[in-house]
N, C-alpha and C. Protein backbone atom coordinates (compact mmCIF):
# COMPACT_ATOMS: atom_id res chain seq x y z
N MET A 1 -2.03 19.94 -21.76
CA MET A 1 -2.20 19.64 -23.19
C MET A 1 -3.07 18.39 -23.35
N ALA A 2 -4.02 18.46 -24.29
CA ALA A 2 -4.93 17.34 -24.48
C ALA A 2 -4.21 16.14 -25.06
N SER A 3 -4.66 14.96 -24.66
CA SER A 3 -4.11 13.72 -25.22
C SER A 3 -4.47 13.64 -26.69
N PRO A 4 -3.55 13.12 -27.55
CA PRO A 4 -3.86 12.97 -28.96
C PRO A 4 -5.11 12.14 -29.20
N LEU A 5 -5.40 11.21 -28.29
CA LEU A 5 -6.57 10.36 -28.47
C LEU A 5 -7.87 11.09 -28.17
N SER A 6 -7.78 12.28 -27.51
CA SER A 6 -8.99 13.02 -27.19
C SER A 6 -9.23 14.16 -28.16
N LEU A 7 -8.35 14.34 -29.12
CA LEU A 7 -8.49 15.43 -30.08
C LEU A 7 -9.62 15.15 -31.06
N SER A 8 -10.25 16.21 -31.56
CA SER A 8 -11.26 16.04 -32.59
C SER A 8 -10.58 15.60 -33.87
N ASN A 9 -11.36 15.06 -34.81
CA ASN A 9 -10.78 14.64 -36.09
C ASN A 9 -10.12 15.81 -36.80
N ARG A 10 -10.73 16.99 -36.69
CA ARG A 10 -10.15 18.18 -37.33
C ARG A 10 -8.79 18.50 -36.75
N SER A 11 -8.69 18.45 -35.41
CA SER A 11 -7.40 18.73 -34.75
C SER A 11 -6.36 17.69 -35.13
N ARG A 12 -6.81 16.45 -35.23
CA ARG A 12 -5.87 15.39 -35.62
C ARG A 12 -5.32 15.66 -37.00
N ARG A 13 -6.23 16.01 -37.94
CA ARG A 13 -5.77 16.27 -39.31
C ARG A 13 -4.79 17.44 -39.34
N ARG A 14 -5.08 18.51 -38.54
CA ARG A 14 -4.20 19.67 -38.51
C ARG A 14 -2.81 19.29 -38.02
N ARG A 15 -2.76 18.48 -36.96
CA ARG A 15 -1.45 18.05 -36.42
C ARG A 15 -0.70 17.20 -37.43
N LEU A 16 -1.42 16.28 -38.07
CA LEU A 16 -0.77 15.41 -39.04
C LEU A 16 -0.27 16.20 -40.24
N THR A 17 -1.02 17.26 -40.65
CA THR A 17 -0.57 18.12 -41.76
C THR A 17 0.71 18.84 -41.38
N LEU A 18 0.77 19.32 -40.13
CA LEU A 18 1.99 20.00 -39.66
C LEU A 18 3.17 19.03 -39.65
N LEU A 19 2.92 17.80 -39.21
CA LEU A 19 3.98 16.80 -39.21
C LEU A 19 4.47 16.54 -40.63
N ALA A 20 3.52 16.48 -41.57
CA ALA A 20 3.90 16.21 -42.96
C ALA A 20 4.75 17.34 -43.52
N SER A 21 4.37 18.59 -43.19
CA SER A 21 5.14 19.73 -43.71
C SER A 21 6.53 19.79 -43.09
N ALA A 22 6.68 19.13 -41.93
CA ALA A 22 8.00 19.12 -41.29
C ALA A 22 8.87 17.99 -41.83
N GLY A 23 8.33 17.23 -42.78
CA GLY A 23 9.15 16.19 -43.42
C GLY A 23 9.00 14.81 -42.82
N VAL A 24 7.96 14.58 -41.99
CA VAL A 24 7.75 13.26 -41.42
C VAL A 24 7.30 12.33 -42.54
N SER A 25 7.79 11.12 -42.56
CA SER A 25 7.52 10.20 -43.66
C SER A 25 6.05 9.83 -43.75
N VAL A 26 5.61 9.49 -44.95
CA VAL A 26 4.24 9.08 -45.20
C VAL A 26 3.91 7.82 -44.42
N VAL A 27 4.89 6.93 -44.28
CA VAL A 27 4.66 5.68 -43.55
C VAL A 27 4.30 5.98 -42.10
N VAL A 28 5.03 6.87 -41.46
CA VAL A 28 4.76 7.22 -40.07
C VAL A 28 3.39 7.87 -39.96
N LEU A 29 3.05 8.74 -40.92
CA LEU A 29 1.75 9.39 -40.89
C LEU A 29 0.62 8.37 -41.04
N THR A 30 0.81 7.42 -41.91
CA THR A 30 -0.21 6.39 -42.11
C THR A 30 -0.45 5.61 -40.84
N VAL A 31 0.64 5.23 -40.16
CA VAL A 31 0.52 4.51 -38.89
C VAL A 31 -0.17 5.36 -37.84
N ALA A 32 0.20 6.65 -37.78
CA ALA A 32 -0.40 7.55 -36.80
C ALA A 32 -1.89 7.71 -37.03
N ILE A 33 -2.28 7.88 -38.30
CA ILE A 33 -3.70 8.02 -38.61
C ILE A 33 -4.46 6.77 -38.19
N SER A 34 -3.88 5.63 -38.52
CA SER A 34 -4.52 4.36 -38.18
C SER A 34 -4.72 4.22 -36.68
N LEU A 35 -3.70 4.57 -35.90
CA LEU A 35 -3.78 4.41 -34.45
C LEU A 35 -4.75 5.40 -33.83
N LEU A 36 -4.80 6.62 -34.37
CA LEU A 36 -5.65 7.64 -33.77
C LEU A 36 -7.12 7.46 -34.11
N THR A 37 -7.41 6.87 -35.24
CA THR A 37 -8.80 6.80 -35.68
C THR A 37 -9.40 5.41 -35.57
N SER A 38 -8.60 4.39 -35.41
CA SER A 38 -9.15 3.04 -35.38
C SER A 38 -9.84 2.77 -34.05
N SER A 39 -11.10 2.36 -34.15
CA SER A 39 -11.83 2.02 -32.92
C SER A 39 -11.75 0.53 -32.64
N THR A 40 -11.11 -0.21 -33.54
CA THR A 40 -11.05 -1.66 -33.36
C THR A 40 -9.69 -2.14 -32.87
N ALA A 41 -8.73 -1.23 -32.73
CA ALA A 41 -7.40 -1.64 -32.25
C ALA A 41 -7.52 -2.19 -30.84
N SER A 42 -6.86 -3.30 -30.58
CA SER A 42 -6.97 -3.92 -29.25
C SER A 42 -6.27 -3.07 -28.21
N THR A 43 -6.73 -3.21 -26.98
CA THR A 43 -6.09 -2.50 -25.87
C THR A 43 -4.63 -2.88 -25.78
N PHE A 44 -4.36 -4.16 -26.00
CA PHE A 44 -2.99 -4.63 -25.91
C PHE A 44 -2.10 -3.92 -26.93
N THR A 45 -2.54 -3.89 -28.18
CA THR A 45 -1.76 -3.25 -29.24
C THR A 45 -1.58 -1.77 -28.95
N ALA A 46 -2.66 -1.12 -28.54
CA ALA A 46 -2.58 0.31 -28.25
C ALA A 46 -1.58 0.60 -27.14
N ARG A 47 -1.57 -0.24 -26.10
CA ARG A 47 -0.63 -0.03 -25.00
C ARG A 47 0.81 -0.26 -25.44
N VAL A 48 1.02 -1.31 -26.27
CA VAL A 48 2.37 -1.58 -26.74
C VAL A 48 2.89 -0.42 -27.57
N VAL A 49 2.05 0.09 -28.48
CA VAL A 49 2.45 1.21 -29.32
C VAL A 49 2.76 2.45 -28.48
N ALA A 50 1.97 2.63 -27.44
CA ALA A 50 2.17 3.78 -26.57
C ALA A 50 3.33 3.58 -25.60
N GLY A 51 3.90 2.39 -25.58
CA GLY A 51 5.01 2.12 -24.69
C GLY A 51 4.58 1.85 -23.26
N VAL A 52 3.29 1.55 -23.07
CA VAL A 52 2.77 1.27 -21.72
C VAL A 52 2.72 -0.23 -21.51
N PRO A 53 3.32 -0.74 -20.43
CA PRO A 53 3.27 -2.19 -20.17
C PRO A 53 1.84 -2.66 -20.04
N PHE A 54 1.55 -3.82 -20.63
CA PHE A 54 0.20 -4.39 -20.52
C PHE A 54 0.00 -4.93 -19.12
N SER A 55 -1.15 -4.68 -18.57
CA SER A 55 -1.48 -5.19 -17.24
C SER A 55 -2.88 -5.80 -17.32
N PRO A 56 -2.99 -7.14 -17.23
CA PRO A 56 -4.30 -7.77 -17.38
C PRO A 56 -5.25 -7.39 -16.27
N GLY A 57 -6.51 -7.27 -16.62
CA GLY A 57 -7.55 -6.94 -15.65
C GLY A 57 -8.73 -7.87 -15.78
N GLU A 58 -9.79 -7.58 -15.06
CA GLU A 58 -10.97 -8.44 -15.08
C GLU A 58 -11.53 -8.61 -16.49
N ALA A 59 -11.50 -7.54 -17.28
CA ALA A 59 -12.04 -7.61 -18.65
C ALA A 59 -11.28 -8.62 -19.51
N ASP A 60 -10.03 -8.91 -19.13
CA ASP A 60 -9.22 -9.89 -19.86
C ASP A 60 -9.41 -11.30 -19.31
N GLY A 61 -10.24 -11.44 -18.26
CA GLY A 61 -10.46 -12.74 -17.65
C GLY A 61 -9.55 -13.02 -16.47
N MET A 62 -8.78 -12.02 -16.03
CA MET A 62 -7.87 -12.24 -14.90
C MET A 62 -8.68 -12.39 -13.60
N ILE A 63 -8.37 -13.46 -12.87
CA ILE A 63 -9.00 -13.73 -11.58
C ILE A 63 -7.93 -13.55 -10.50
N PRO A 64 -8.14 -12.66 -9.53
CA PRO A 64 -7.14 -12.48 -8.48
C PRO A 64 -6.83 -13.80 -7.76
N ALA A 65 -5.56 -14.05 -7.50
CA ALA A 65 -5.16 -15.31 -6.86
C ALA A 65 -5.87 -15.53 -5.52
N ALA A 66 -6.15 -14.45 -4.82
CA ALA A 66 -6.76 -14.57 -3.50
C ALA A 66 -8.28 -14.70 -3.56
N ALA A 67 -8.86 -14.62 -4.77
CA ALA A 67 -10.32 -14.64 -4.86
C ALA A 67 -10.80 -15.49 -6.04
N PRO A 68 -10.57 -16.82 -5.96
CA PRO A 68 -11.07 -17.68 -7.04
C PRO A 68 -12.59 -17.60 -7.15
N LEU A 69 -13.11 -17.99 -8.30
CA LEU A 69 -14.54 -17.92 -8.55
C LEU A 69 -15.20 -19.28 -8.34
N THR A 70 -16.49 -19.27 -8.07
CA THR A 70 -17.27 -20.51 -8.07
C THR A 70 -17.87 -20.68 -9.46
N VAL A 71 -18.31 -21.88 -9.78
CA VAL A 71 -18.87 -22.12 -11.11
C VAL A 71 -20.23 -21.45 -11.28
N GLU A 72 -20.81 -20.99 -10.19
CA GLU A 72 -22.10 -20.30 -10.29
C GLU A 72 -21.95 -18.85 -10.72
N ASN A 73 -20.75 -18.32 -10.68
CA ASN A 73 -20.54 -16.93 -11.09
C ASN A 73 -20.85 -16.79 -12.58
N ASP A 74 -21.73 -15.86 -12.92
CA ASP A 74 -22.04 -15.67 -14.33
C ASP A 74 -21.84 -14.22 -14.78
N THR A 75 -21.11 -13.45 -13.96
CA THR A 75 -20.87 -12.05 -14.33
C THR A 75 -19.40 -11.79 -14.68
N HIS A 76 -18.48 -12.49 -14.05
CA HIS A 76 -17.06 -12.28 -14.34
C HIS A 76 -16.77 -12.81 -15.75
N PRO A 77 -16.05 -12.03 -16.57
CA PRO A 77 -15.76 -12.48 -17.95
C PRO A 77 -15.11 -13.86 -18.03
N ALA A 78 -14.29 -14.21 -17.04
CA ALA A 78 -13.63 -15.51 -17.06
C ALA A 78 -14.64 -16.66 -17.04
N MET A 79 -15.82 -16.42 -16.46
CA MET A 79 -16.87 -17.43 -16.43
C MET A 79 -17.92 -17.17 -17.51
N ALA A 80 -18.31 -15.93 -17.66
CA ALA A 80 -19.37 -15.58 -18.61
C ALA A 80 -19.00 -15.91 -20.05
N ARG A 81 -17.70 -15.93 -20.37
CA ARG A 81 -17.27 -16.18 -21.74
C ARG A 81 -16.78 -17.61 -21.96
N LEU A 82 -17.04 -18.48 -20.99
CA LEU A 82 -16.73 -19.89 -21.18
C LEU A 82 -17.69 -20.51 -22.19
N ASP A 83 -17.23 -21.57 -22.85
CA ASP A 83 -18.10 -22.34 -23.73
C ASP A 83 -19.30 -22.83 -22.91
N PRO A 84 -20.52 -22.62 -23.39
CA PRO A 84 -21.71 -23.01 -22.60
C PRO A 84 -21.74 -24.48 -22.21
N ASP A 85 -21.29 -25.36 -23.10
CA ASP A 85 -21.28 -26.79 -22.77
C ASP A 85 -20.33 -27.09 -21.61
N LEU A 86 -19.18 -26.43 -21.61
CA LEU A 86 -18.22 -26.62 -20.51
C LEU A 86 -18.80 -26.08 -19.21
N LEU A 87 -19.41 -24.91 -19.27
CA LEU A 87 -19.97 -24.32 -18.06
C LEU A 87 -21.11 -25.18 -17.50
N ASP A 88 -21.97 -25.69 -18.37
CA ASP A 88 -23.06 -26.57 -17.91
C ASP A 88 -22.50 -27.83 -17.25
N ALA A 89 -21.45 -28.42 -17.86
CA ALA A 89 -20.84 -29.63 -17.30
C ALA A 89 -20.22 -29.34 -15.94
N LEU A 90 -19.55 -28.21 -15.82
CA LEU A 90 -18.93 -27.83 -14.54
C LEU A 90 -19.98 -27.67 -13.45
N ARG A 91 -21.08 -27.02 -13.79
CA ARG A 91 -22.13 -26.78 -12.79
C ARG A 91 -22.80 -28.08 -12.36
N ALA A 92 -23.02 -28.97 -13.31
CA ALA A 92 -23.63 -30.25 -12.98
C ALA A 92 -22.69 -31.09 -12.12
N ALA A 93 -21.40 -31.08 -12.47
CA ALA A 93 -20.42 -31.83 -11.68
C ALA A 93 -20.28 -31.23 -10.29
N GLN A 94 -20.32 -29.89 -10.20
CA GLN A 94 -20.21 -29.24 -8.89
C GLN A 94 -21.36 -29.63 -7.98
N ALA A 95 -22.55 -29.74 -8.55
CA ALA A 95 -23.71 -30.14 -7.75
C ALA A 95 -23.49 -31.52 -7.14
N ALA A 96 -22.88 -32.42 -7.90
CA ALA A 96 -22.59 -33.77 -7.38
C ALA A 96 -21.44 -33.74 -6.38
N ALA A 97 -20.43 -32.93 -6.66
CA ALA A 97 -19.25 -32.86 -5.78
C ALA A 97 -19.59 -32.25 -4.43
N ALA A 98 -20.60 -31.37 -4.41
CA ALA A 98 -20.96 -30.69 -3.16
C ALA A 98 -21.34 -31.69 -2.07
N SER A 99 -21.92 -32.82 -2.46
CA SER A 99 -22.31 -33.83 -1.45
C SER A 99 -21.09 -34.46 -0.80
N ASP A 100 -19.93 -34.33 -1.45
CA ASP A 100 -18.67 -34.80 -0.88
C ASP A 100 -17.90 -33.67 -0.20
N GLY A 101 -18.54 -32.51 -0.09
CA GLY A 101 -17.89 -31.36 0.53
C GLY A 101 -16.84 -30.69 -0.36
N ILE A 102 -16.94 -30.91 -1.67
CA ILE A 102 -15.96 -30.37 -2.62
C ILE A 102 -16.52 -29.13 -3.30
N VAL A 103 -15.70 -28.08 -3.35
CA VAL A 103 -16.05 -26.85 -4.06
C VAL A 103 -15.04 -26.62 -5.17
N PHE A 104 -15.53 -26.43 -6.39
CA PHE A 104 -14.65 -26.13 -7.51
C PHE A 104 -14.27 -24.65 -7.45
N ASP A 105 -13.02 -24.38 -7.10
CA ASP A 105 -12.53 -23.01 -7.05
C ASP A 105 -11.81 -22.70 -8.36
N VAL A 106 -12.46 -21.94 -9.22
CA VAL A 106 -11.91 -21.64 -10.55
C VAL A 106 -10.89 -20.52 -10.45
N THR A 107 -9.65 -20.84 -10.80
CA THR A 107 -8.58 -19.84 -10.75
C THR A 107 -8.30 -19.22 -12.11
N SER A 108 -8.80 -19.86 -13.16
CA SER A 108 -8.69 -19.29 -14.50
C SER A 108 -9.73 -19.94 -15.40
N GLY A 109 -10.32 -19.13 -16.27
CA GLY A 109 -11.30 -19.64 -17.23
C GLY A 109 -10.99 -19.04 -18.59
N TRP A 110 -11.96 -18.34 -19.16
CA TRP A 110 -11.69 -17.63 -20.42
C TRP A 110 -10.62 -16.57 -20.19
N ARG A 111 -9.74 -16.40 -21.17
CA ARG A 111 -8.73 -15.33 -21.14
C ARG A 111 -8.70 -14.62 -22.49
N SER A 112 -8.44 -13.34 -22.48
CA SER A 112 -8.25 -12.63 -23.74
C SER A 112 -6.93 -13.09 -24.36
N ALA A 113 -6.81 -12.90 -25.67
CA ALA A 113 -5.56 -13.25 -26.34
C ALA A 113 -4.40 -12.43 -25.79
N ALA A 114 -4.67 -11.17 -25.46
CA ALA A 114 -3.62 -10.31 -24.90
C ALA A 114 -3.14 -10.83 -23.55
N TYR A 115 -4.07 -11.29 -22.72
CA TYR A 115 -3.71 -11.85 -21.42
C TYR A 115 -2.89 -13.12 -21.60
N GLN A 116 -3.30 -13.97 -22.54
CA GLN A 116 -2.56 -15.20 -22.79
C GLN A 116 -1.15 -14.91 -23.27
N ARG A 117 -1.00 -13.93 -24.15
CA ARG A 117 0.33 -13.54 -24.63
C ARG A 117 1.17 -13.02 -23.47
N TRP A 118 0.56 -12.23 -22.59
CA TRP A 118 1.27 -11.69 -21.43
C TRP A 118 1.75 -12.83 -20.52
N LEU A 119 0.88 -13.83 -20.30
CA LEU A 119 1.26 -14.98 -19.48
C LEU A 119 2.44 -15.73 -20.09
N LEU A 120 2.40 -15.93 -21.39
CA LEU A 120 3.49 -16.64 -22.06
C LEU A 120 4.78 -15.85 -21.99
N ASP A 121 4.70 -14.56 -22.28
CA ASP A 121 5.90 -13.72 -22.22
C ASP A 121 6.49 -13.70 -20.81
N ASP A 122 5.61 -13.65 -19.81
CA ASP A 122 6.08 -13.64 -18.42
C ASP A 122 6.72 -14.98 -18.07
N ALA A 123 6.14 -16.09 -18.55
CA ALA A 123 6.72 -17.41 -18.28
C ALA A 123 8.08 -17.56 -18.96
N ILE A 124 8.22 -17.01 -20.15
CA ILE A 124 9.51 -17.06 -20.84
C ILE A 124 10.55 -16.26 -20.06
N ARG A 125 10.13 -15.07 -19.61
CA ARG A 125 11.06 -14.21 -18.85
C ARG A 125 11.46 -14.88 -17.54
N THR A 126 10.49 -15.48 -16.85
CA THR A 126 10.76 -16.10 -15.55
C THR A 126 11.60 -17.36 -15.67
N SER A 127 11.28 -18.20 -16.66
CA SER A 127 12.01 -19.47 -16.79
C SER A 127 13.31 -19.32 -17.57
N GLY A 128 13.39 -18.27 -18.37
CA GLY A 128 14.59 -18.05 -19.17
C GLY A 128 14.63 -18.89 -20.43
N SER A 129 13.52 -19.59 -20.72
CA SER A 129 13.49 -20.47 -21.88
C SER A 129 12.08 -20.55 -22.46
N GLU A 130 11.96 -20.29 -23.75
CA GLU A 130 10.63 -20.41 -24.37
C GLU A 130 10.16 -21.85 -24.35
N GLU A 131 11.07 -22.79 -24.54
CA GLU A 131 10.70 -24.21 -24.55
C GLU A 131 10.11 -24.62 -23.20
N THR A 132 10.76 -24.19 -22.12
CA THR A 132 10.25 -24.51 -20.78
C THR A 132 8.90 -23.84 -20.55
N ALA A 133 8.79 -22.58 -20.93
CA ALA A 133 7.54 -21.84 -20.73
C ALA A 133 6.39 -22.47 -21.50
N ARG A 134 6.65 -22.89 -22.73
CA ARG A 134 5.60 -23.46 -23.58
C ARG A 134 5.06 -24.79 -23.06
N ALA A 135 5.80 -25.43 -22.17
CA ALA A 135 5.30 -26.68 -21.58
C ALA A 135 4.09 -26.41 -20.69
N TYR A 136 3.96 -25.17 -20.19
CA TYR A 136 2.88 -24.82 -19.28
C TYR A 136 1.95 -23.73 -19.80
N VAL A 137 2.41 -22.95 -20.76
CA VAL A 137 1.60 -21.84 -21.26
C VAL A 137 1.55 -21.90 -22.79
N ALA A 138 0.36 -22.09 -23.33
CA ALA A 138 0.20 -22.16 -24.78
C ALA A 138 0.21 -20.77 -25.38
N THR A 139 0.45 -20.71 -26.67
CA THR A 139 0.34 -19.43 -27.38
C THR A 139 -1.14 -19.04 -27.44
N PRO A 140 -1.43 -17.76 -27.67
CA PRO A 140 -2.84 -17.36 -27.79
C PRO A 140 -3.58 -18.13 -28.89
N GLU A 141 -2.86 -18.46 -29.95
CA GLU A 141 -3.48 -19.17 -31.07
C GLU A 141 -3.82 -20.62 -30.73
N GLN A 142 -3.14 -21.19 -29.74
CA GLN A 142 -3.34 -22.59 -29.38
C GLN A 142 -4.08 -22.79 -28.06
N SER A 143 -4.26 -21.74 -27.31
CA SER A 143 -4.82 -21.87 -25.96
C SER A 143 -6.32 -22.14 -25.95
N SER A 144 -6.71 -23.16 -25.19
CA SER A 144 -8.13 -23.45 -25.00
C SER A 144 -8.78 -22.44 -24.06
N HIS A 145 -7.96 -21.72 -23.28
CA HIS A 145 -8.52 -20.66 -22.44
C HIS A 145 -9.03 -19.51 -23.30
N VAL A 146 -8.31 -19.18 -24.35
CA VAL A 146 -8.70 -18.07 -25.22
C VAL A 146 -10.02 -18.37 -25.93
N THR A 147 -10.26 -19.63 -26.24
CA THR A 147 -11.53 -20.00 -26.89
C THR A 147 -12.63 -20.27 -25.87
N GLY A 148 -12.30 -20.20 -24.59
CA GLY A 148 -13.31 -20.43 -23.56
C GLY A 148 -13.62 -21.89 -23.31
N ARG A 149 -12.71 -22.78 -23.72
CA ARG A 149 -12.97 -24.21 -23.58
C ARG A 149 -12.12 -24.87 -22.50
N ALA A 150 -11.61 -24.09 -21.54
CA ALA A 150 -10.79 -24.67 -20.46
C ALA A 150 -10.96 -23.87 -19.18
N VAL A 151 -10.81 -24.59 -18.07
CA VAL A 151 -10.76 -23.95 -16.75
C VAL A 151 -9.62 -24.55 -15.96
N ASP A 152 -9.09 -23.76 -15.05
CA ASP A 152 -8.12 -24.24 -14.08
C ASP A 152 -8.79 -24.25 -12.72
N ILE A 153 -8.59 -25.34 -11.97
CA ILE A 153 -9.18 -25.50 -10.65
C ILE A 153 -8.08 -25.45 -9.61
N GLY A 154 -8.30 -24.69 -8.53
CA GLY A 154 -7.23 -24.43 -7.58
C GLY A 154 -6.94 -25.49 -6.55
N SER A 155 -7.98 -25.99 -5.87
CA SER A 155 -7.71 -26.88 -4.74
C SER A 155 -7.40 -28.30 -5.19
N LEU A 156 -6.47 -28.93 -4.48
CA LEU A 156 -6.08 -30.30 -4.81
C LEU A 156 -7.27 -31.25 -4.69
N ASP A 157 -8.10 -31.09 -3.66
CA ASP A 157 -9.25 -31.98 -3.48
C ASP A 157 -10.19 -31.90 -4.68
N ALA A 158 -10.44 -30.69 -5.15
CA ALA A 158 -11.34 -30.52 -6.29
C ALA A 158 -10.71 -31.08 -7.56
N GLN A 159 -9.41 -30.87 -7.73
CA GLN A 159 -8.72 -31.41 -8.90
C GLN A 159 -8.84 -32.93 -8.94
N LEU A 160 -8.53 -33.57 -7.80
CA LEU A 160 -8.57 -35.04 -7.74
C LEU A 160 -9.99 -35.57 -7.92
N TRP A 161 -10.99 -34.85 -7.42
CA TRP A 161 -12.38 -35.26 -7.58
C TRP A 161 -12.75 -35.25 -9.07
N ILE A 162 -12.37 -34.19 -9.77
CA ILE A 162 -12.70 -34.10 -11.20
C ILE A 162 -11.94 -35.15 -12.00
N ILE A 163 -10.68 -35.36 -11.66
CA ILE A 163 -9.89 -36.39 -12.37
C ILE A 163 -10.56 -37.76 -12.23
N GLU A 164 -11.09 -38.04 -11.03
CA GLU A 164 -11.70 -39.34 -10.77
C GLU A 164 -13.13 -39.45 -11.31
N ASN A 165 -13.89 -38.35 -11.23
CA ASN A 165 -15.32 -38.42 -11.54
C ASN A 165 -15.78 -37.57 -12.73
N GLY A 166 -14.92 -36.68 -13.18
CA GLY A 166 -15.34 -35.69 -14.17
C GLY A 166 -15.86 -36.24 -15.48
N ARG A 167 -15.38 -37.40 -15.89
CA ARG A 167 -15.82 -37.95 -17.19
C ARG A 167 -17.32 -38.21 -17.24
N ASP A 168 -17.95 -38.35 -16.06
CA ASP A 168 -19.41 -38.52 -16.04
C ASP A 168 -20.11 -37.32 -16.67
N TRP A 169 -19.42 -36.18 -16.70
CA TRP A 169 -19.96 -34.97 -17.33
C TRP A 169 -19.11 -34.54 -18.54
N GLY A 170 -18.17 -35.39 -18.93
CA GLY A 170 -17.32 -35.09 -20.07
C GLY A 170 -16.11 -34.25 -19.73
N LEU A 171 -15.84 -34.05 -18.44
CA LEU A 171 -14.71 -33.21 -18.00
C LEU A 171 -13.44 -34.05 -17.88
N CYS A 172 -12.38 -33.58 -18.50
CA CYS A 172 -11.14 -34.35 -18.55
C CYS A 172 -9.92 -33.47 -18.29
N GLN A 173 -8.92 -34.07 -17.63
CA GLN A 173 -7.61 -33.44 -17.52
C GLN A 173 -6.95 -33.64 -18.89
N THR A 174 -6.57 -32.55 -19.54
CA THR A 174 -6.08 -32.68 -20.92
C THR A 174 -4.56 -32.54 -21.07
N TYR A 175 -3.87 -32.13 -20.00
CA TYR A 175 -2.40 -32.08 -20.00
C TYR A 175 -1.88 -32.89 -18.83
N ALA A 176 -0.98 -33.82 -19.12
CA ALA A 176 -0.47 -34.70 -18.06
C ALA A 176 0.28 -33.93 -16.98
N ASN A 177 0.89 -32.80 -17.34
CA ASN A 177 1.68 -32.04 -16.37
C ASN A 177 0.87 -30.94 -15.68
N GLU A 178 -0.44 -30.87 -15.95
CA GLU A 178 -1.28 -29.84 -15.33
C GLU A 178 -2.55 -30.50 -14.80
N ARG A 179 -2.51 -30.96 -13.56
CA ARG A 179 -3.68 -31.66 -13.02
C ARG A 179 -4.82 -30.68 -12.74
N TRP A 180 -4.56 -29.40 -12.85
CA TRP A 180 -5.56 -28.37 -12.56
C TRP A 180 -6.34 -27.93 -13.81
N HIS A 181 -5.89 -28.33 -14.99
CA HIS A 181 -6.47 -27.85 -16.27
C HIS A 181 -7.48 -28.87 -16.80
N PHE A 182 -8.73 -28.41 -16.98
CA PHE A 182 -9.80 -29.30 -17.43
C PHE A 182 -10.54 -28.72 -18.63
N GLU A 183 -10.95 -29.64 -19.50
CA GLU A 183 -11.75 -29.27 -20.67
C GLU A 183 -12.87 -30.29 -20.82
N LYS A 184 -13.91 -29.90 -21.52
CA LYS A 184 -14.96 -30.86 -21.86
C LYS A 184 -14.46 -31.57 -23.13
N ALA A 185 -13.87 -32.73 -22.92
CA ALA A 185 -13.16 -33.41 -24.00
C ALA A 185 -13.82 -34.69 -24.45
N THR A 186 -14.99 -35.01 -23.87
CA THR A 186 -15.73 -36.21 -24.29
C THR A 186 -17.20 -35.99 -23.96
N ASP A 187 -18.04 -36.89 -24.43
CA ASP A 187 -19.45 -36.83 -24.07
C ASP A 187 -19.62 -37.28 -22.61
N ALA A 188 -20.70 -36.87 -22.00
CA ALA A 188 -20.97 -37.30 -20.62
C ALA A 188 -20.96 -38.82 -20.54
N GLY A 189 -20.15 -39.34 -19.63
CA GLY A 189 -20.03 -40.78 -19.45
C GLY A 189 -19.05 -41.45 -20.40
N GLY A 190 -18.45 -40.67 -21.30
CA GLY A 190 -17.48 -41.22 -22.25
C GLY A 190 -16.10 -41.38 -21.64
N GLU A 191 -15.20 -41.91 -22.44
CA GLU A 191 -13.82 -42.07 -21.98
C GLU A 191 -13.02 -40.82 -22.31
N CYS A 192 -12.26 -40.33 -21.34
CA CYS A 192 -11.40 -39.18 -21.58
C CYS A 192 -10.24 -39.59 -22.48
N PRO A 193 -9.85 -38.73 -23.41
CA PRO A 193 -8.69 -39.05 -24.24
C PRO A 193 -7.42 -39.03 -23.39
N GLU A 194 -6.40 -39.71 -23.88
CA GLU A 194 -5.10 -39.69 -23.19
C GLU A 194 -4.62 -38.24 -23.12
N PRO A 195 -4.23 -37.75 -21.94
CA PRO A 195 -3.76 -36.37 -21.85
C PRO A 195 -2.52 -36.13 -22.70
N HIS A 196 -2.43 -34.91 -23.24
CA HIS A 196 -1.20 -34.50 -23.92
C HIS A 196 -0.08 -34.44 -22.88
N ARG A 197 1.15 -34.61 -23.32
CA ARG A 197 2.28 -34.54 -22.41
C ARG A 197 2.32 -33.19 -21.69
N ASP A 198 2.11 -32.12 -22.44
CA ASP A 198 2.11 -30.77 -21.86
C ASP A 198 1.41 -29.83 -22.82
N ALA A 199 1.49 -28.51 -22.56
CA ALA A 199 0.75 -27.52 -23.35
C ALA A 199 1.24 -27.39 -24.78
N ARG A 200 2.38 -28.02 -25.08
CA ARG A 200 2.86 -27.99 -26.46
C ARG A 200 2.11 -28.99 -27.35
N GLY A 201 1.27 -29.85 -26.71
CA GLY A 201 0.47 -30.78 -27.49
C GLY A 201 1.03 -32.18 -27.50
């Protein structure tokens, strides 16, 4: 049997008419029509409605833990969708860090809102507390990753190098409890603002 999402518009209307004649409520029909015909519904919403667990992929900015990216990568969405000023600062800083044998291994960059929500929900489930989870994972509405204005760096050496030298390019650690999270938070050579206590601000 064909998937409802692959049916022609005519077939969809015929099925919905049959449902209506069977006494299905107008509200349910309206929702069904919206889901079947909307081309703008997010993958996340569509999966939730279908009862399929969301699983982040490369298109959402997910970077496999075993394969961090370099700042030169310009094809992976996690890098390609970063704020251009942040990406330029990272690349310039990496060029300077290379002389010290430091490589910026990016473990997270841009993320889709759906991916950010998934991370938060997973942190709440794992920690058992929304308050605890929110200290490390912002909501999609508040996350600098979703706007492409933040990166996470994996190696301790690279983290410490950026903390010590990053302000020369405007790169700053913006959360006191996350030494791996960096944003372009000042002008090149400026003073970094005092880090927020945690992701709650």
